[in-house]
Amino acid sequence: MSENVDLAGASWSKSSYSGNGGQCVEVASDFPGLMPIRDSKDPQGPALVFSAEGWESFVAAVRSGEFGEV
């Protein structure tokens, strides 16, 4: 996405699939129409911001096995 989004007040939640292995993804669901994603090990680092529609398409593709086994 090309728009700048201020994530300073974001409420981040860890993915329930992350487990305790240190490879964790966090999402902020308080941005209507957008899905900010970040690495929980680097909370001050960069975040990726996808359209909600694009993120839903990606998740559906992963669930259907489009990228192979993950």
N, C-alpha and C. Protein backbone atom coordinates (compact mmCIF):
# COMPACT_ATOMS: atom_id res chain seq x y z
N MET A 1 0.84 -1.17 0.00
CA MET A 1 0.00 0.00 0.00
C MET A 1 0.89 1.23 0.00
N SER A 2 0.42 2.28 -0.57
CA SER A 2 1.24 3.48 -0.67
C SER A 2 0.83 4.57 0.32
N GLU A 3 -0.27 4.38 1.03
CA GLU A 3 -0.68 5.44 1.95
C GLU A 3 0.08 5.33 3.27
N ASN A 4 0.37 6.48 3.87
CA ASN A 4 1.04 6.51 5.16
C ASN A 4 -0.01 6.37 6.25
N VAL A 5 0.22 5.43 7.15
CA VAL A 5 -0.72 5.17 8.23
C VAL A 5 0.02 5.36 9.55
N ASP A 6 -0.53 6.18 10.43
CA ASP A 6 0.06 6.39 11.74
C ASP A 6 -0.34 5.24 12.65
N LEU A 7 0.62 4.40 13.00
CA LEU A 7 0.36 3.22 13.80
C LEU A 7 0.71 3.42 15.27
N ALA A 8 0.98 4.67 15.67
CA ALA A 8 1.40 4.96 17.04
C ALA A 8 0.38 4.49 18.08
N GLY A 9 -0.89 4.58 17.79
CA GLY A 9 -1.92 4.18 18.76
C GLY A 9 -2.50 2.81 18.50
N ALA A 10 -1.84 2.02 17.68
CA ALA A 10 -2.37 0.70 17.31
C ALA A 10 -2.43 -0.25 18.50
N SER A 11 -3.45 -1.08 18.53
CA SER A 11 -3.58 -2.15 19.52
C SER A 11 -3.17 -3.45 18.84
N TRP A 12 -1.98 -3.92 19.16
CA TRP A 12 -1.42 -5.10 18.49
C TRP A 12 -1.82 -6.37 19.22
N SER A 13 -2.11 -7.42 18.44
CA SER A 13 -2.46 -8.74 18.97
C SER A 13 -1.60 -9.78 18.27
N LYS A 14 -1.08 -10.72 19.05
CA LYS A 14 -0.27 -11.78 18.49
C LYS A 14 -1.17 -12.83 17.84
N SER A 15 -0.74 -13.36 16.72
CA SER A 15 -1.48 -14.41 16.05
C SER A 15 -1.59 -15.64 16.95
N SER A 16 -2.76 -16.25 16.97
CA SER A 16 -2.95 -17.46 17.78
C SER A 16 -2.15 -18.64 17.22
N TYR A 17 -1.67 -18.54 15.98
CA TYR A 17 -0.90 -19.61 15.36
C TYR A 17 0.60 -19.44 15.58
N SER A 18 1.01 -18.37 16.23
CA SER A 18 2.44 -18.11 16.40
C SER A 18 3.10 -19.04 17.38
N GLY A 19 2.40 -19.49 18.38
CA GLY A 19 3.00 -20.37 19.37
C GLY A 19 4.04 -19.65 20.20
N ASN A 20 4.94 -20.40 20.78
CA ASN A 20 5.98 -19.82 21.62
C ASN A 20 7.37 -19.98 21.03
N GLY A 21 7.46 -20.28 19.75
CA GLY A 21 8.75 -20.51 19.12
C GLY A 21 9.49 -19.25 18.73
N GLY A 22 8.96 -18.09 19.02
CA GLY A 22 9.65 -16.86 18.72
C GLY A 22 9.37 -16.30 17.34
N GLN A 23 8.69 -17.05 16.50
CA GLN A 23 8.35 -16.57 15.17
C GLN A 23 6.91 -16.08 15.20
N CYS A 24 6.74 -14.86 15.68
CA CYS A 24 5.39 -14.35 15.93
C CYS A 24 5.02 -13.19 15.02
N VAL A 25 3.78 -13.20 14.62
CA VAL A 25 3.21 -12.13 13.81
C VAL A 25 2.16 -11.44 14.66
N GLU A 26 2.14 -10.11 14.62
CA GLU A 26 1.12 -9.35 15.32
C GLU A 26 0.33 -8.55 14.30
N VAL A 27 -0.95 -8.38 14.57
CA VAL A 27 -1.82 -7.60 13.70
C VAL A 27 -2.52 -6.53 14.53
N ALA A 28 -2.89 -5.45 13.88
CA ALA A 28 -3.66 -4.38 14.52
C ALA A 28 -4.98 -4.29 13.78
N SER A 29 -6.06 -4.67 14.45
CA SER A 29 -7.35 -4.74 13.77
C SER A 29 -8.21 -3.50 13.97
N ASP A 30 -7.61 -2.42 14.48
CA ASP A 30 -8.39 -1.21 14.73
C ASP A 30 -8.25 -0.15 13.63
N PHE A 31 -7.99 -0.60 12.40
CA PHE A 31 -7.87 0.29 11.25
C PHE A 31 -8.82 -0.21 10.16
N PRO A 32 -10.05 0.29 10.12
CA PRO A 32 -11.03 -0.21 9.15
C PRO A 32 -10.49 -0.16 7.71
N GLY A 33 -10.61 -1.29 7.04
CA GLY A 33 -10.18 -1.39 5.65
C GLY A 33 -8.70 -1.68 5.48
N LEU A 34 -7.94 -1.71 6.59
CA LEU A 34 -6.50 -1.95 6.52
C LEU A 34 -6.12 -3.07 7.49
N MET A 35 -4.99 -3.72 7.22
CA MET A 35 -4.48 -4.75 8.12
C MET A 35 -2.98 -4.55 8.30
N PRO A 36 -2.59 -3.81 9.36
CA PRO A 36 -1.17 -3.66 9.68
C PRO A 36 -0.63 -4.96 10.30
N ILE A 37 0.57 -5.35 9.88
CA ILE A 37 1.22 -6.58 10.33
C ILE A 37 2.64 -6.22 10.76
N ARG A 38 3.12 -6.82 11.86
CA ARG A 38 4.51 -6.60 12.27
C ARG A 38 5.07 -7.85 12.92
N ASP A 39 6.38 -7.87 13.08
CA ASP A 39 7.10 -8.95 13.75
C ASP A 39 7.12 -8.63 15.24
N SER A 40 6.60 -9.51 16.07
CA SER A 40 6.53 -9.23 17.50
C SER A 40 7.90 -9.14 18.16
N LYS A 41 8.92 -9.72 17.54
CA LYS A 41 10.27 -9.63 18.10
C LYS A 41 10.89 -8.26 17.87
N ASP A 42 10.29 -7.48 16.97
CA ASP A 42 10.83 -6.15 16.64
C ASP A 42 9.69 -5.14 16.61
N PRO A 43 9.06 -4.87 17.77
CA PRO A 43 7.88 -4.00 17.79
C PRO A 43 8.15 -2.56 17.37
N GLN A 44 9.38 -2.11 17.46
CA GLN A 44 9.72 -0.76 17.03
C GLN A 44 10.13 -0.73 15.55
N GLY A 45 10.24 -1.89 14.96
CA GLY A 45 10.64 -1.99 13.55
C GLY A 45 9.49 -1.68 12.61
N PRO A 46 9.71 -1.92 11.35
CA PRO A 46 8.68 -1.59 10.35
C PRO A 46 7.47 -2.51 10.43
N ALA A 47 6.37 -1.99 9.98
CA ALA A 47 5.14 -2.77 9.86
C ALA A 47 4.71 -2.73 8.40
N LEU A 48 4.10 -3.78 7.94
CA LEU A 48 3.53 -3.82 6.61
C LEU A 48 2.04 -3.53 6.75
N VAL A 49 1.49 -2.73 5.85
CA VAL A 49 0.07 -2.40 5.90
C VAL A 49 -0.56 -2.83 4.58
N PHE A 50 -1.48 -3.76 4.70
CA PHE A 50 -2.19 -4.29 3.53
C PHE A 50 -3.64 -3.82 3.56
N SER A 51 -4.27 -3.82 2.41
CA SER A 51 -5.72 -3.60 2.41
C SER A 51 -6.34 -4.82 3.08
N ALA A 52 -7.46 -4.63 3.76
CA ALA A 52 -8.12 -5.76 4.41
C ALA A 52 -8.50 -6.82 3.37
N GLU A 53 -8.93 -6.37 2.22
CA GLU A 53 -9.30 -7.31 1.15
C GLU A 53 -8.09 -8.12 0.68
N GLY A 54 -6.97 -7.45 0.49
CA GLY A 54 -5.75 -8.14 0.07
C GLY A 54 -5.29 -9.16 1.11
N TRP A 55 -5.35 -8.78 2.40
CA TRP A 55 -4.96 -9.69 3.47
C TRP A 55 -5.88 -10.90 3.52
N GLU A 56 -7.19 -10.67 3.38
CA GLU A 56 -8.15 -11.78 3.38
C GLU A 56 -7.89 -12.73 2.22
N SER A 57 -7.53 -12.19 1.06
CA SER A 57 -7.21 -13.04 -0.10
C SER A 57 -5.97 -13.88 0.17
N PHE A 58 -4.96 -13.26 0.78
CA PHE A 58 -3.73 -13.98 1.12
C PHE A 58 -4.02 -15.12 2.10
N VAL A 59 -4.76 -14.83 3.16
CA VAL A 59 -5.08 -15.85 4.16
C VAL A 59 -5.88 -16.99 3.52
N ALA A 60 -6.83 -16.66 2.67
CA ALA A 60 -7.62 -17.70 1.99
C ALA A 60 -6.72 -18.58 1.11
N ALA A 61 -5.76 -17.96 0.43
CA ALA A 61 -4.84 -18.73 -0.42
C ALA A 61 -3.96 -19.65 0.42
N VAL A 62 -3.49 -19.19 1.57
CA VAL A 62 -2.70 -20.04 2.46
C VAL A 62 -3.53 -21.22 2.95
N ARG A 63 -4.76 -20.93 3.38
CA ARG A 63 -5.63 -21.99 3.90
C ARG A 63 -5.96 -23.04 2.83
N SER A 64 -6.08 -22.60 1.58
CA SER A 64 -6.44 -23.54 0.52
C SER A 64 -5.23 -24.32 -0.01
N GLY A 65 -4.04 -23.99 0.48
CA GLY A 65 -2.84 -24.70 0.04
C GLY A 65 -2.21 -24.17 -1.21
N GLU A 66 -2.60 -22.98 -1.64
CA GLU A 66 -2.08 -22.41 -2.87
C GLU A 66 -0.56 -22.26 -2.87
N PHE A 67 0.04 -22.09 -1.71
CA PHE A 67 1.49 -21.90 -1.60
C PHE A 67 2.20 -23.17 -1.15
N GLY A 68 1.50 -24.28 -1.17
CA GLY A 68 2.06 -25.52 -0.67
C GLY A 68 1.83 -25.62 0.83
N GLU A 69 2.51 -26.57 1.44
CA GLU A 69 2.36 -26.74 2.88
C GLU A 69 3.21 -25.74 3.63
N VAL A 70 2.60 -25.06 4.61
CA VAL A 70 3.34 -24.10 5.43
C VAL A 70 3.37 -24.52 6.86
